[in-house]
Amino acid sequence: MTTKHRIYTMSVASVYTHYITKAEKKGRTKDEVDEIIRWLTGYSQEELETLLENKTDFETFFAQAPKLNPSRALIKGVICGVRIEEIEDPLMKEIRYLDKLIDELAKGKAMEKILRG
């Protein structure tokens, strides 16, 4: 029996605050973080806020995403020492896509580039 990775059962809200802090430390905004999440998942701002309030876990968050952005396949590179293209677990890949986008935001990349525009 395989056990779920700990992050799958963590609430998105518990990590979200770290995303905001990371972005704001580099002069970026909560609105930009939210825009990235909406772009990736297809959630509206209202839906996103409800999910955060309800402490929805990552597994549910991605499973119920209205429309995962097809352009997310263009997200490449290394995050947390792992090459995104080599991640086999679909849920872990989604989580790492999000991590990578927040990372790019904190590194000062233009939103247009982050959102693969």
N, C-alpha and C. Protein backbone atom coordinates (compact mmCIF):
# COMPACT_ATOMS: atom_id res chain seq x y z
N MET A 1 0.84 -1.20 0.00
CA MET A 1 0.00 0.00 0.00
C MET A 1 0.87 1.25 0.00
N THR A 2 0.57 2.16 -0.89
CA THR A 2 1.35 3.40 -0.91
C THR A 2 0.62 4.45 -0.08
N THR A 3 1.39 5.16 0.70
CA THR A 3 0.78 6.22 1.49
C THR A 3 0.88 7.52 0.69
N LYS A 4 -0.09 8.37 0.90
CA LYS A 4 -0.13 9.65 0.20
C LYS A 4 1.00 10.53 0.70
N HIS A 5 1.52 11.32 -0.21
CA HIS A 5 2.52 12.31 0.18
C HIS A 5 1.85 13.29 1.13
N ARG A 6 2.59 13.73 2.11
CA ARG A 6 2.04 14.62 3.13
C ARG A 6 1.39 15.88 2.55
N ILE A 7 1.98 16.42 1.48
CA ILE A 7 1.44 17.67 0.92
C ILE A 7 0.03 17.50 0.36
N TYR A 8 -0.32 16.29 -0.09
CA TYR A 8 -1.64 16.08 -0.69
C TYR A 8 -2.76 16.36 0.30
N THR A 9 -2.50 16.08 1.57
CA THR A 9 -3.54 16.26 2.59
C THR A 9 -3.41 17.60 3.31
N MET A 10 -2.38 18.36 2.99
CA MET A 10 -2.22 19.68 3.59
C MET A 10 -3.21 20.65 2.95
N SER A 11 -3.65 21.63 3.72
CA SER A 11 -4.57 22.61 3.14
C SER A 11 -3.77 23.57 2.27
N VAL A 12 -4.39 23.97 1.18
CA VAL A 12 -3.77 24.93 0.28
C VAL A 12 -3.53 26.23 1.05
N ALA A 13 -4.46 26.56 1.93
CA ALA A 13 -4.34 27.80 2.73
C ALA A 13 -3.06 27.82 3.56
N SER A 14 -2.64 26.65 4.08
CA SER A 14 -1.45 26.61 4.92
C SER A 14 -0.18 26.92 4.13
N VAL A 15 -0.19 26.63 2.84
CA VAL A 15 0.97 26.91 1.99
C VAL A 15 0.82 28.28 1.32
N TYR A 16 -0.42 28.65 1.08
CA TYR A 16 -0.75 29.91 0.41
C TYR A 16 -0.09 31.11 1.11
N THR A 17 -0.13 31.11 2.43
CA THR A 17 0.48 32.22 3.17
C THR A 17 1.98 32.32 2.86
N HIS A 18 2.63 31.18 2.66
CA HIS A 18 4.06 31.17 2.32
C HIS A 18 4.27 31.71 0.90
N TYR A 19 3.34 31.39 -0.01
CA TYR A 19 3.42 31.92 -1.37
C TYR A 19 3.37 33.46 -1.33
N ILE A 20 2.43 33.98 -0.54
CA ILE A 20 2.25 35.43 -0.43
C ILE A 20 3.51 36.07 0.15
N THR A 21 4.00 35.50 1.25
CA THR A 21 5.21 36.03 1.90
C THR A 21 6.38 36.04 0.95
N LYS A 22 6.56 34.94 0.24
CA LYS A 22 7.67 34.82 -0.71
C LYS A 22 7.58 35.90 -1.79
N ALA A 23 6.37 36.09 -2.31
CA ALA A 23 6.15 37.10 -3.36
C ALA A 23 6.37 38.52 -2.82
N GLU A 24 5.80 38.81 -1.65
CA GLU A 24 5.87 40.16 -1.10
C GLU A 24 7.29 40.55 -0.69
N LYS A 25 8.07 39.56 -0.25
CA LYS A 25 9.47 39.82 0.08
C LYS A 25 10.23 40.37 -1.12
N LYS A 26 9.77 39.97 -2.30
CA LYS A 26 10.44 40.38 -3.54
C LYS A 26 9.68 41.51 -4.25
N GLY A 27 8.76 42.16 -3.51
CA GLY A 27 8.06 43.30 -4.07
C GLY A 27 6.90 42.95 -4.98
N ARG A 28 6.45 41.70 -4.94
CA ARG A 28 5.29 41.30 -5.74
C ARG A 28 4.07 41.31 -4.83
N THR A 29 2.89 40.99 -5.38
CA THR A 29 1.67 41.17 -4.59
C THR A 29 0.84 39.88 -4.46
N LYS A 30 -0.07 39.92 -3.47
CA LYS A 30 -1.03 38.84 -3.28
C LYS A 30 -1.89 38.70 -4.54
N ASP A 31 -2.25 39.83 -5.14
CA ASP A 31 -3.06 39.78 -6.36
C ASP A 31 -2.37 39.00 -7.47
N GLU A 32 -1.05 39.16 -7.56
CA GLU A 32 -0.29 38.42 -8.58
C GLU A 32 -0.28 36.93 -8.27
N VAL A 33 -0.13 36.59 -7.00
CA VAL A 33 -0.18 35.18 -6.59
C VAL A 33 -1.55 34.59 -6.96
N ASP A 34 -2.61 35.33 -6.64
CA ASP A 34 -3.97 34.87 -6.95
C ASP A 34 -4.16 34.71 -8.45
N GLU A 35 -3.62 35.65 -9.21
CA GLU A 35 -3.75 35.58 -10.67
C GLU A 35 -3.09 34.31 -11.21
N ILE A 36 -1.93 33.99 -10.67
CA ILE A 36 -1.22 32.77 -11.08
C ILE A 36 -2.07 31.53 -10.77
N ILE A 37 -2.62 31.48 -9.57
CA ILE A 37 -3.44 30.32 -9.17
C ILE A 37 -4.68 30.21 -10.05
N ARG A 38 -5.32 31.36 -10.33
CA ARG A 38 -6.51 31.34 -11.19
C ARG A 38 -6.15 30.89 -12.60
N TRP A 39 -5.01 31.37 -13.10
CA TRP A 39 -4.55 30.99 -14.45
C TRP A 39 -4.32 29.47 -14.53
N LEU A 40 -3.69 28.94 -13.49
CA LEU A 40 -3.33 27.52 -13.48
C LEU A 40 -4.55 26.61 -13.35
N THR A 41 -5.52 27.02 -12.53
CA THR A 41 -6.62 26.12 -12.14
C THR A 41 -7.98 26.42 -12.76
N GLY A 42 -8.18 27.67 -13.17
CA GLY A 42 -9.49 28.05 -13.70
C GLY A 42 -10.48 28.47 -12.63
N TYR A 43 -10.05 28.49 -11.37
CA TYR A 43 -10.95 28.96 -10.31
C TYR A 43 -11.15 30.47 -10.45
N SER A 44 -12.33 30.94 -10.06
CA SER A 44 -12.56 32.38 -9.98
C SER A 44 -11.96 32.86 -8.65
N GLN A 45 -11.83 34.18 -8.49
CA GLN A 45 -11.29 34.72 -7.23
C GLN A 45 -12.18 34.30 -6.06
N GLU A 46 -13.48 34.36 -6.27
CA GLU A 46 -14.44 33.99 -5.23
C GLU A 46 -14.28 32.52 -4.83
N GLU A 47 -14.18 31.64 -5.83
CA GLU A 47 -13.99 30.22 -5.56
C GLU A 47 -12.68 29.97 -4.81
N LEU A 48 -11.63 30.66 -5.25
CA LEU A 48 -10.33 30.51 -4.61
C LEU A 48 -10.40 30.90 -3.13
N GLU A 49 -11.04 32.03 -2.86
CA GLU A 49 -11.15 32.48 -1.47
C GLU A 49 -11.96 31.51 -0.62
N THR A 50 -13.00 30.93 -1.18
CA THR A 50 -13.82 29.95 -0.47
C THR A 50 -12.99 28.70 -0.15
N LEU A 51 -12.23 28.22 -1.14
CA LEU A 51 -11.39 27.04 -0.94
C LEU A 51 -10.35 27.28 0.15
N LEU A 52 -9.79 28.48 0.18
CA LEU A 52 -8.80 28.82 1.20
C LEU A 52 -9.47 28.88 2.58
N GLU A 53 -10.65 29.51 2.65
CA GLU A 53 -11.39 29.58 3.92
C GLU A 53 -11.76 28.20 4.44
N ASN A 54 -12.12 27.32 3.51
CA ASN A 54 -12.54 25.97 3.90
C ASN A 54 -11.37 25.02 4.17
N LYS A 55 -10.16 25.54 4.04
CA LYS A 55 -8.94 24.75 4.25
C LYS A 55 -8.92 23.49 3.38
N THR A 56 -9.30 23.65 2.12
CA THR A 56 -9.31 22.56 1.15
C THR A 56 -7.90 22.02 0.97
N ASP A 57 -7.77 20.68 0.92
CA ASP A 57 -6.44 20.10 0.73
C ASP A 57 -6.03 20.12 -0.75
N PHE A 58 -4.74 19.95 -0.98
CA PHE A 58 -4.21 20.02 -2.34
C PHE A 58 -4.85 19.00 -3.28
N GLU A 59 -5.09 17.81 -2.76
CA GLU A 59 -5.67 16.76 -3.60
C GLU A 59 -7.04 17.19 -4.15
N THR A 60 -7.89 17.68 -3.26
CA THR A 60 -9.23 18.14 -3.64
C THR A 60 -9.14 19.40 -4.51
N PHE A 61 -8.24 20.30 -4.13
CA PHE A 61 -8.06 21.56 -4.84
C PHE A 61 -7.80 21.33 -6.33
N PHE A 62 -6.89 20.41 -6.64
CA PHE A 62 -6.58 20.15 -8.04
C PHE A 62 -7.60 19.23 -8.71
N ALA A 63 -8.15 18.29 -7.94
CA ALA A 63 -9.15 17.38 -8.50
C ALA A 63 -10.40 18.13 -8.94
N GLN A 64 -10.75 19.19 -8.22
CA GLN A 64 -11.97 19.95 -8.52
C GLN A 64 -11.72 21.21 -9.34
N ALA A 65 -10.48 21.44 -9.74
CA ALA A 65 -10.17 22.65 -10.51
C ALA A 65 -11.05 22.70 -11.77
N PRO A 66 -11.72 23.83 -12.00
CA PRO A 66 -12.64 23.94 -13.13
C PRO A 66 -11.99 23.70 -14.49
N LYS A 67 -10.77 24.24 -14.67
CA LYS A 67 -10.12 24.08 -15.97
C LYS A 67 -8.62 24.27 -15.81
N LEU A 68 -7.92 23.14 -15.70
CA LEU A 68 -6.46 23.23 -15.60
C LEU A 68 -5.94 23.78 -16.93
N ASN A 69 -5.11 24.78 -16.84
CA ASN A 69 -4.64 25.48 -18.05
C ASN A 69 -3.76 24.56 -18.91
N PRO A 70 -4.14 24.37 -20.18
CA PRO A 70 -3.34 23.49 -21.04
C PRO A 70 -1.90 24.00 -21.24
N SER A 71 -1.71 25.30 -21.10
CA SER A 71 -0.36 25.87 -21.25
C SER A 71 0.57 25.53 -20.10
N ARG A 72 0.03 24.92 -19.04
CA ARG A 72 0.89 24.57 -17.91
C ARG A 72 1.94 23.54 -18.30
N ALA A 73 1.69 22.82 -19.40
CA ALA A 73 2.67 21.85 -19.89
C ALA A 73 3.96 22.55 -20.36
N LEU A 74 3.89 23.87 -20.56
CA LEU A 74 5.07 24.63 -20.97
C LEU A 74 5.97 24.97 -19.78
N ILE A 75 5.50 24.69 -18.57
CA ILE A 75 6.28 24.99 -17.37
C ILE A 75 7.35 23.92 -17.22
N LYS A 76 8.59 24.35 -17.30
CA LYS A 76 9.70 23.40 -17.22
C LYS A 76 10.72 23.91 -16.22
N GLY A 77 11.66 23.05 -15.90
CA GLY A 77 12.73 23.47 -15.02
C GLY A 77 12.76 22.67 -13.73
N VAL A 78 13.56 23.16 -12.80
CA VAL A 78 13.78 22.44 -11.55
C VAL A 78 13.14 23.20 -10.40
N ILE A 79 12.42 22.47 -9.55
CA ILE A 79 11.85 23.06 -8.35
C ILE A 79 12.07 22.07 -7.21
N CYS A 80 12.56 22.55 -6.09
CA CYS A 80 12.88 21.69 -4.94
C CYS A 80 13.82 20.55 -5.36
N GLY A 81 14.74 20.85 -6.26
CA GLY A 81 15.72 19.86 -6.69
C GLY A 81 15.21 18.80 -7.64
N VAL A 82 13.97 18.95 -8.10
CA VAL A 82 13.38 17.96 -8.99
C VAL A 82 13.00 18.61 -10.32
N ARG A 83 13.34 17.95 -11.41
CA ARG A 83 12.98 18.46 -12.73
C ARG A 83 11.50 18.17 -12.96
N ILE A 84 10.72 19.22 -13.20
CA ILE A 84 9.27 19.09 -13.36
C ILE A 84 8.89 18.08 -14.43
N GLU A 85 9.61 18.11 -15.55
CA GLU A 85 9.28 17.21 -16.67
C GLU A 85 9.41 15.74 -16.29
N GLU A 86 10.16 15.45 -15.22
CA GLU A 86 10.39 14.05 -14.83
C GLU A 86 9.44 13.56 -13.73
N ILE A 87 8.59 14.43 -13.24
CA ILE A 87 7.65 14.03 -12.18
C ILE A 87 6.55 13.18 -12.80
N GLU A 88 6.36 11.98 -12.28
CA GLU A 88 5.38 11.07 -12.86
C GLU A 88 4.01 11.19 -12.21
N ASP A 89 3.99 11.44 -10.92
CA ASP A 89 2.71 11.55 -10.20
C ASP A 89 1.98 12.81 -10.66
N PRO A 90 0.79 12.65 -11.25
CA PRO A 90 0.06 13.81 -11.81
C PRO A 90 -0.23 14.91 -10.78
N LEU A 91 -0.62 14.52 -9.57
CA LEU A 91 -0.93 15.53 -8.55
C LEU A 91 0.33 16.27 -8.11
N MET A 92 1.42 15.53 -7.91
CA MET A 92 2.67 16.17 -7.51
C MET A 92 3.12 17.14 -8.60
N LYS A 93 2.90 16.77 -9.85
CA LYS A 93 3.28 17.63 -10.97
C LYS A 93 2.50 18.94 -10.91
N GLU A 94 1.19 18.87 -10.63
CA GLU A 94 0.37 20.08 -10.53
C GLU A 94 0.88 20.99 -9.40
N ILE A 95 1.18 20.37 -8.26
CA ILE A 95 1.67 21.14 -7.11
C ILE A 95 3.00 21.82 -7.45
N ARG A 96 3.87 21.08 -8.13
CA ARG A 96 5.17 21.64 -8.51
C ARG A 96 5.05 22.72 -9.58
N TYR A 97 4.07 22.58 -10.46
CA TYR A 97 3.81 23.65 -11.43
C TYR A 97 3.53 24.95 -10.66
N LEU A 98 2.66 24.84 -9.67
CA LEU A 98 2.30 26.01 -8.88
C LEU A 98 3.52 26.56 -8.15
N ASP A 99 4.30 25.69 -7.53
CA ASP A 99 5.52 26.12 -6.84
C ASP A 99 6.44 26.87 -7.79
N LYS A 100 6.61 26.33 -8.98
CA LYS A 100 7.51 26.92 -9.97
C LYS A 100 7.03 28.31 -10.40
N LEU A 101 5.72 28.45 -10.60
CA LEU A 101 5.18 29.75 -11.01
C LEU A 101 5.39 30.80 -9.91
N ILE A 102 5.19 30.41 -8.67
CA ILE A 102 5.38 31.33 -7.54
C ILE A 102 6.87 31.70 -7.44
N ASP A 103 7.72 30.72 -7.68
CA ASP A 103 9.16 30.92 -7.70
C ASP A 103 9.55 31.95 -8.76
N GLU A 104 8.99 31.80 -9.95
CA GLU A 104 9.28 32.74 -11.04
C GLU A 104 8.81 34.14 -10.69
N LEU A 105 7.66 34.23 -10.03
CA LEU A 105 7.13 35.52 -9.59
C LEU A 105 8.12 36.18 -8.63
N ALA A 106 8.57 35.41 -7.65
CA ALA A 106 9.50 35.92 -6.64
C ALA A 106 10.85 36.30 -7.25
N LYS A 107 11.19 35.68 -8.36
CA LYS A 107 12.46 36.00 -9.03
C LYS A 107 12.33 37.21 -9.96
N GLY A 108 11.13 37.81 -9.99
CA GLY A 108 10.96 39.04 -10.73
C GLY A 108 10.58 38.88 -12.20
N LYS A 109 10.22 37.67 -12.58
CA LYS A 109 9.81 37.45 -13.96
C LYS A 109 8.51 38.21 -14.27
N ALA A 110 8.37 38.68 -15.49
CA ALA A 110 7.16 39.40 -15.88
C ALA A 110 5.96 38.45 -15.89
N MET A 111 4.79 38.96 -15.46
CA MET A 111 3.58 38.12 -15.40
C MET A 111 3.29 37.47 -16.75
N GLU A 112 3.47 38.21 -17.82
CA GLU A 112 3.18 37.66 -19.15
C GLU A 112 3.99 36.39 -19.42
N LYS A 113 5.25 36.42 -18.98
CA LYS A 113 6.13 35.25 -19.16
C LYS A 113 5.73 34.11 -18.21
N ILE A 114 5.41 34.48 -16.96
CA ILE A 114 5.01 33.47 -15.97
C ILE A 114 3.77 32.73 -16.49
N LEU A 115 2.82 33.49 -17.03
CA LEU A 115 1.56 32.90 -17.50
C LEU A 115 1.67 32.36 -18.93
N ARG A 116 2.91 32.18 -19.34
CA ARG A 116 3.21 31.57 -20.65
C ARG A 116 2.43 32.23 -21.78
N GLY A 117 2.40 33.58 -21.73
CA GLY A 117 1.62 34.37 -22.68
C GLY A 117 2.24 34.52 -24.05
